[in-house]
Amino acid sequence: MNSITEILSDFKAGKFVILVDDENRENEGDLILAAEFTTPQAVNFLAKEARG
């Protein structure tokens, strides 16, 4: 698991980040990207690879 500092650094650099919730909740992860870095290619990637 990465530190908050590492995650924020990646997020600010325009990288996808997987945000996971507690195992006692839904125990799932969401692939997120800062809106300012969203491109048609990023949306296509999410639609193809991160659905479910």
Protein backbone atom coordinates (compact mmCIF):
# COMPACT_ATOMS: atom_id res chain seq x y z
CA MET A 1 0.00 0.00 0.00
CA ASN A 2 1.25 3.48 -0.84
CA SER A 3 1.43 6.44 1.51
CA ILE A 4 -0.95 9.37 1.15
CA THR A 5 1.99 11.50 -0.02
CA GLU A 6 2.80 9.05 -2.82
CA ILE A 7 -0.82 8.77 -3.86
CA LEU A 8 -1.31 12.55 -3.98
CA SER A 9 1.91 12.95 -5.95
CA ASP A 10 0.75 10.41 -8.54
CA PHE A 11 -2.74 11.94 -8.65
CA LYS A 12 -1.31 15.44 -9.22
CA ALA A 13 0.95 14.04 -11.96
CA GLY A 14 -2.06 12.77 -13.89
CA LYS A 15 -1.70 9.10 -13.08
CA PHE A 16 -4.59 6.76 -12.41
CA VAL A 17 -4.96 5.85 -8.74
CA ILE A 18 -6.87 2.90 -7.30
CA LEU A 19 -8.84 3.99 -4.25
CA VAL A 20 -10.02 1.08 -2.11
CA ASP A 21 -12.56 1.05 0.66
CA ASP A 22 -12.67 -1.00 3.84
CA GLU A 23 -12.94 -4.79 3.59
CA ASN A 24 -15.94 -4.59 5.94
CA ARG A 25 -17.78 -2.29 3.56
CA GLU A 26 -17.82 -3.22 -0.14
CA ASN A 27 -14.17 -4.30 -0.27
CA GLU A 28 -13.69 -2.86 -3.74
CA GLY A 29 -11.42 -0.46 -5.56
CA ASP A 30 -12.21 2.44 -7.86
CA LEU A 31 -9.83 3.61 -10.56
CA ILE A 32 -9.76 7.41 -10.43
CA LEU A 33 -8.06 10.20 -12.37
CA ALA A 34 -8.02 13.93 -11.72
CA ALA A 35 -10.54 15.64 -14.02
CA GLU A 36 -7.93 18.04 -15.40
CA PHE A 37 -6.06 15.06 -16.90
CA THR A 38 -9.08 13.36 -18.40
CA THR A 39 -8.74 12.71 -22.13
CA PRO A 40 -10.80 10.70 -24.59
CA GLN A 41 -8.14 8.00 -24.34
CA ALA A 42 -8.44 7.90 -20.55
CA VAL A 43 -12.23 7.62 -20.75
CA ASN A 44 -11.92 4.81 -23.29
CA PHE A 45 -9.44 3.03 -21.03
CA LEU A 46 -11.82 3.28 -18.08
CA ALA A 47 -14.77 2.08 -20.17
CA LYS A 48 -12.82 -0.88 -21.50
CA GLU A 49 -10.68 -1.94 -18.55
CA ALA A 50 -12.35 -0.64 -15.37
CA ARG A 51 -15.94 -1.69 -15.76
CA GLY A 52 -17.74 -4.13 -13.61
